[in-house]
């Protein structure tokens, strides 16, 4: 397991724009979070599905990055930050990632050496003008919106 004591806030010497000193991250990368914490502490019980090549499944990476971001944001809360993180983030994420039905790993079987990354779902382009397209602006206060190739009626 990681040498990091993830329960304690470690202050960094640099300060942000607001003058506050942000805490260091408990984990320096997503693989570190998954390997040194999630798999060692949070997933010690048998699960329906998991893939040792979790990093090859885009949906899993998205969910795990969101879980890690929430963990880093909430871990130093002196009150119920960790409990809230477990209830609101860890439990639903693990349920989704390890379910026979919803897991992005549902086609993988590491016992048989099977690793399958499912193809993306097909998508057709929406009708022109159906959605508003937002453009970034170099002018900080200006919002620019236009229809995507037409006006909505």
C-alpha atoms as a PDB file:
ATOM      1  CA  UNK A   1       0.000   0.000   0.000  1.00  0.00           C
ATOM      2  CA  UNK A   2       1.054   3.586  -0.517  1.00  0.00           C
ATOM      3  CA  UNK A   3       3.203   5.308   2.047  1.00  0.00           C
ATOM      4  CA  UNK A   4       0.855   8.301   1.837  1.00  0.00           C
ATOM      5  CA  UNK A   5      -1.284   9.023   4.872  1.00  0.00           C
ATOM      6  CA  UNK A   6      -4.360  10.009   2.905  1.00  0.00           C
ATOM      7  CA  UNK A   7      -6.294  11.112   5.997  1.00  0.00           C
ATOM      8  CA  UNK A   8      -4.073  14.076   6.824  1.00  0.00           C
ATOM      9  CA  UNK A   9      -3.823  17.415   5.076  1.00  0.00           C
ATOM     10  CA  UNK A  10      -0.347  18.254   3.838  1.00  0.00           C
ATOM     11  CA  UNK A  11       0.154  21.902   3.058  1.00  0.00           C
ATOM     12  CA  UNK A  12       2.051  22.939  -0.014  1.00  0.00           C
ATOM     13  CA  UNK A  13       4.347  25.965  -0.020  1.00  0.00           C
ATOM     14  CA  UNK A  14       2.730  27.544  -3.084  1.00  0.00           C
ATOM     15  CA  UNK A  15      -0.386  29.648  -2.724  1.00  0.00           C
ATOM     16  CA  UNK A  16      -3.261  30.008  -5.156  1.00  0.00           C
ATOM     17  CA  UNK A  17      -4.785  33.191  -6.558  1.00  0.00           C
ATOM     18  CA  UNK A  18      -6.984  33.517  -3.487  1.00  0.00           C
ATOM     19  CA  UNK A  19      -3.958  33.398  -1.161  1.00  0.00           C
ATOM     20  CA  UNK A  20      -4.963  29.997   0.212  1.00  0.00           C
ATOM     21  CA  UNK A  21      -2.436  27.198   0.356  1.00  0.00           C
ATOM     22  CA  UNK A  22      -3.935  24.109  -1.271  1.00  0.00           C
ATOM     23  CA  UNK A  23      -3.202  20.703   0.237  1.00  0.00           C
ATOM     24  CA  UNK A  24      -0.944  18.347  -1.667  1.00  0.00           C
ATOM     25  CA  UNK A  25      -2.641  15.508  -3.435  1.00  0.00           C
ATOM     26  CA  UNK A  26      -2.750  12.266  -1.505  1.00  0.00           C
ATOM     27  CA  UNK A  27      -2.106  10.412  -4.767  1.00  0.00           C
ATOM     28  CA  UNK A  28       0.056  11.701  -7.597  1.00  0.00           C
ATOM     29  CA  UNK A  29      -1.761   9.922 -10.430  1.00  0.00           C
ATOM     30  CA  UNK A  30      -4.891   7.995 -11.243  1.00  0.00           C
ATOM     31  CA  UNK A  31      -2.988   4.671 -11.364  1.00  0.00           C
ATOM     32  CA  UNK A  32      -1.585   5.416  -7.914  1.00  0.00           C
ATOM     33  CA  UNK A  33      -5.089   6.161  -6.581  1.00  0.00           C
ATOM     34  CA  UNK A  34      -6.501   2.971  -8.130  1.00  0.00           C
ATOM     35  CA  UNK A  35      -3.607   0.622  -7.287  1.00  0.00           C
ATOM     36  CA  UNK A  36      -2.538   1.954  -3.889  1.00  0.00           C
ATOM     37  CA  UNK A  37      -5.907   2.928  -2.456  1.00  0.00           C
ATOM     38  CA  UNK A  38      -8.967   1.760  -4.336  1.00  0.00           C
ATOM     39  CA  UNK A  39      -7.845  -1.841  -4.891  1.00  0.00           C
ATOM     40  CA  UNK A  40      -6.024  -2.131  -1.566  1.00  0.00           C
ATOM     41  CA  UNK A  41      -8.539  -0.451   0.738  1.00  0.00           C
ATOM     42  CA  UNK A  42     -11.912  -0.106  -0.968  1.00  0.00           C
ATOM     43  CA  UNK A  43     -12.187  -3.314  -3.003  1.00  0.00           C
ATOM     44  CA  UNK A  44     -10.948  -6.033  -0.707  1.00  0.00           C
ATOM     45  CA  UNK A  45     -14.111  -8.127  -1.179  1.00  0.00           C
ATOM     46  CA  UNK A  46     -14.889 -10.174  -4.281  1.00  0.00           C
ATOM     47  CA  UNK A  47     -16.624  -8.180  -7.009  1.00  0.00           C
ATOM     48  CA  UNK A  48     -18.647  -9.327 -10.010  1.00  0.00           C
ATOM     49  CA  UNK A  49     -16.503  -7.556 -12.580  1.00  0.00           C
ATOM     50  CA  UNK A  50     -13.132  -5.858 -12.667  1.00  0.00           C
ATOM     51  CA  UNK A  51     -10.473  -5.618 -15.349  1.00  0.00           C
ATOM     52  CA  UNK A  52      -6.770  -5.463 -14.594  1.00  0.00           C
ATOM     53  CA  UNK A  53      -6.501  -3.295 -17.708  1.00  0.00           C
ATOM     54  CA  UNK A  54      -9.040  -0.805 -16.336  1.00  0.00           C
ATOM     55  CA  UNK A  55      -7.067   2.013 -17.969  1.00  0.00           C
ATOM     56  CA  UNK A  56      -8.050   0.682 -21.414  1.00  0.00           C
ATOM     57  CA  UNK A  57     -11.766   1.300 -20.797  1.00  0.00           C
ATOM     58  CA  UNK A  58     -12.633   4.978 -21.382  1.00  0.00           C
ATOM     59  CA  UNK A  59     -15.799   4.871 -19.278  1.00  0.00           C
ATOM     60  CA  UNK A  60     -13.892   3.365 -16.366  1.00  0.00           C
ATOM     61  CA  UNK A  61     -11.161   5.999 -16.619  1.00  0.00           C
ATOM     62  CA  UNK A  62     -13.769   8.774 -16.651  1.00  0.00           C
ATOM     63  CA  UNK A  63     -15.541   7.358 -13.588  1.00  0.00           C
ATOM     64  CA  UNK A  64     -12.309   6.670 -11.713  1.00  0.00           C
ATOM     65  CA  UNK A  65     -10.910  10.151 -12.425  1.00  0.00           C
ATOM     66  CA  UNK A  66     -14.142  11.687 -11.122  1.00  0.00           C
ATOM     67  CA  UNK A  67     -13.923   9.462  -8.037  1.00  0.00           C
ATOM     68  CA  UNK A  68     -10.305  10.483  -7.436  1.00  0.00           C
ATOM     69  CA  UNK A  69     -11.078  14.193  -7.943  1.00  0.00           C
ATOM     70  CA  UNK A  70     -13.919  13.982  -5.420  1.00  0.00           C
ATOM     71  CA  UNK A  71     -11.683  12.090  -2.985  1.00  0.00           C
ATOM     72  CA  UNK A  72      -8.939  14.708  -3.161  1.00  0.00           C
ATOM     73  CA  UNK A  73     -11.474  17.515  -2.711  1.00  0.00           C
ATOM     74  CA  UNK A  74     -13.232  15.903   0.247  1.00  0.00           C
ATOM     75  CA  UNK A  75     -10.565  13.938   2.129  1.00  0.00           C
ATOM     76  CA  UNK A  76      -9.422  16.790   4.353  1.00  0.00           C
ATOM     77  CA  UNK A  77     -12.920  17.894   5.366  1.00  0.00           C
ATOM     78  CA  UNK A  78     -12.725  17.899   9.167  1.00  0.00           C
ATOM     79  CA  UNK A  79     -16.350  16.813   9.458  1.00  0.00           C
ATOM     80  CA  UNK A  80     -18.016  14.211   7.318  1.00  0.00           C
ATOM     81  CA  UNK A  81     -16.025  14.606   4.101  1.00  0.00           C
ATOM     82  CA  UNK A  82     -14.825  11.020   3.901  1.00  0.00           C
ATOM     83  CA  UNK A  83     -18.190   9.567   4.925  1.00  0.00           C
ATOM     84  CA  UNK A  84     -19.945  11.721   2.329  1.00  0.00           C
ATOM     85  CA  UNK A  85     -17.399  10.686  -0.297  1.00  0.00           C
ATOM     86  CA  UNK A  86     -18.033   7.005   0.487  1.00  0.00           C
ATOM     87  CA  UNK A  87     -21.822   7.371   0.331  1.00  0.00           C
ATOM     88  CA  UNK A  88     -22.119   9.758  -2.612  1.00  0.00           C
ATOM     89  CA  UNK A  89     -19.127   8.827  -4.771  1.00  0.00           C
ATOM     90  CA  UNK A  90     -17.361   5.574  -3.869  1.00  0.00           C
ATOM     91  CA  UNK A  91     -20.352   3.283  -3.425  1.00  0.00           C
ATOM     92  CA  UNK A  92     -22.217   4.297  -6.623  1.00  0.00           C
ATOM     93  CA  UNK A  93     -19.011   4.275  -8.687  1.00  0.00           C
ATOM     94  CA  UNK A  94     -17.962   0.832  -7.482  1.00  0.00           C
ATOM     95  CA  UNK A  95     -21.506  -0.479  -8.004  1.00  0.00           C
ATOM     96  CA  UNK A  96     -21.470   0.775 -11.588  1.00  0.00           C
ATOM     97  CA  UNK A  97     -17.955  -0.435 -12.386  1.00  0.00           C
ATOM     98  CA  UNK A  98     -18.369  -3.921 -10.932  1.00  0.00           C
ATOM     99  CA  UNK A  99     -21.960  -4.801 -11.848  1.00  0.00           C
ATOM    100  CA  UNK A 100     -22.593  -7.710 -14.223  1.00  0.00           C
ATOM    101  CA  UNK A 101     -25.017  -5.465 -16.124  1.00  0.00           C
ATOM    102  CA  UNK A 102     -23.491  -1.968 -16.155  1.00  0.00           C
ATOM    103  CA  UNK A 103     -19.761  -2.573 -15.888  1.00  0.00           C
ATOM    104  CA  UNK A 104     -17.571  -1.382 -18.743  1.00  0.00           C
ATOM    105  CA  UNK A 105     -15.625  -4.569 -17.897  1.00  0.00           C
ATOM    106  CA  UNK A 106     -18.611  -6.895 -18.485  1.00  0.00           C
ATOM    107  CA  UNK A 107     -16.964  -8.566 -21.501  1.00  0.00           C
ATOM    108  CA  UNK A 108     -13.596  -9.022 -19.769  1.00  0.00           C
ATOM    109  CA  UNK A 109     -12.633 -12.204 -17.963  1.00  0.00           C
ATOM    110  CA  UNK A 110      -9.132 -11.945 -16.518  1.00  0.00           C
ATOM    111  CA  UNK A 111      -9.257 -15.612 -15.395  1.00  0.00           C
ATOM    112  CA  UNK A 112      -9.470 -16.621 -19.059  1.00  0.00           C
ATOM    113  CA  UNK A 113      -7.155 -13.888 -20.293  1.00  0.00           C
ATOM    114  CA  UNK A 114     -10.029 -12.145 -22.041  1.00  0.00           C
ATOM    115  CA  UNK A 115      -9.892  -8.359 -22.353  1.00  0.00           C
ATOM    116  CA  UNK A 116     -12.547  -6.756 -24.525  1.00  0.00           C
ATOM    117  CA  UNK A 117     -13.022  -3.048 -25.054  1.00  0.00           C
ATOM    118  CA  UNK A 118     -16.500  -2.603 -26.455  1.00  0.00           C
ATOM    119  CA  UNK A 119     -16.848  -0.335 -29.492  1.00  0.00           C
ATOM    120  CA  UNK A 120     -18.508   3.022 -29.051  1.00  0.00           C
ATOM    121  CA  UNK A 121     -22.208   3.281 -29.700  1.00  0.00           C
ATOM    122  CA  UNK A 122     -23.102   4.696 -33.103  1.00  0.00           C
ATOM    123  CA  UNK A 123     -24.400   8.261 -33.310  1.00  0.00           C
ATOM    124  CA  UNK A 124     -26.075  10.123 -36.133  1.00  0.00           C
ATOM    125  CA  UNK A 125     -25.605  13.868 -36.520  1.00  0.00           C
ATOM    126  CA  UNK A 126     -28.574  15.907 -35.229  1.00  0.00           C
ATOM    127  CA  UNK A 127     -30.583  18.041 -37.642  1.00  0.00           C
ATOM    128  CA  UNK A 128     -28.936  21.357 -38.502  1.00  0.00           C
ATOM    129  CA  UNK A 129     -30.088  24.175 -36.238  1.00  0.00           C
ATOM    130  CA  UNK A 130     -31.405  21.927 -33.491  1.00  0.00           C
ATOM    131  CA  UNK A 131     -28.786  22.906 -30.901  1.00  0.00           C
ATOM    132  CA  UNK A 132     -27.089  26.140 -29.921  1.00  0.00           C
ATOM    133  CA  UNK A 133     -23.322  26.135 -30.401  1.00  0.00           C
ATOM    134  CA  UNK A 134     -21.336  28.046 -27.764  1.00  0.00           C
ATOM    135  CA  UNK A 135     -18.009  29.527 -28.794  1.00  0.00           C
ATOM    136  CA  UNK A 136     -15.173  30.508 -26.506  1.00  0.00           C
ATOM    137  CA  UNK A 137     -14.244  34.135 -26.733  1.00  0.00           C
ATOM    138  CA  UNK A 138     -10.978  35.945 -26.207  1.00  0.00           C
ATOM    139  CA  UNK A 139     -13.112  38.763 -24.754  1.00  0.00           C
ATOM    140  CA  UNK A 140     -13.585  37.541 -21.160  1.00  0.00           C
ATOM    141  CA  UNK A 141     -17.016  39.081 -20.630  1.00  0.00           C
ATOM    142  CA  UNK A 142     -18.634  38.296 -23.953  1.00  0.00           C
ATOM    143  CA  UNK A 143     -20.680  35.177 -24.603  1.00  0.00           C
ATOM    144  CA  UNK A 144     -21.138  34.230 -28.209  1.00  0.00           C
ATOM    145  CA  UNK A 145     -23.910  31.862 -29.182  1.00  0.00           C
ATOM    146  CA  UNK A 146     -25.143  30.811 -32.564  1.00  0.00           C
ATOM    147  CA  UNK A 147     -27.260  28.047 -33.907  1.00  0.00           C
ATOM    148  CA  UNK A 148     -25.486  25.094 -35.452  1.00  0.00           C
ATOM    149  CA  UNK A 149     -26.103  25.865 -39.133  1.00  0.00           C
ATOM    150  CA  UNK A 150     -29.456  27.506 -38.814  1.00  0.00           C
ATOM    151  CA  UNK A 151     -32.128  29.051 -36.644  1.00  0.00           C
ATOM    152  CA  UNK A 152     -34.502  27.209 -34.380  1.00  0.00           C
ATOM    153  CA  UNK A 153     -38.085  27.807 -35.309  1.00  0.00           C
END
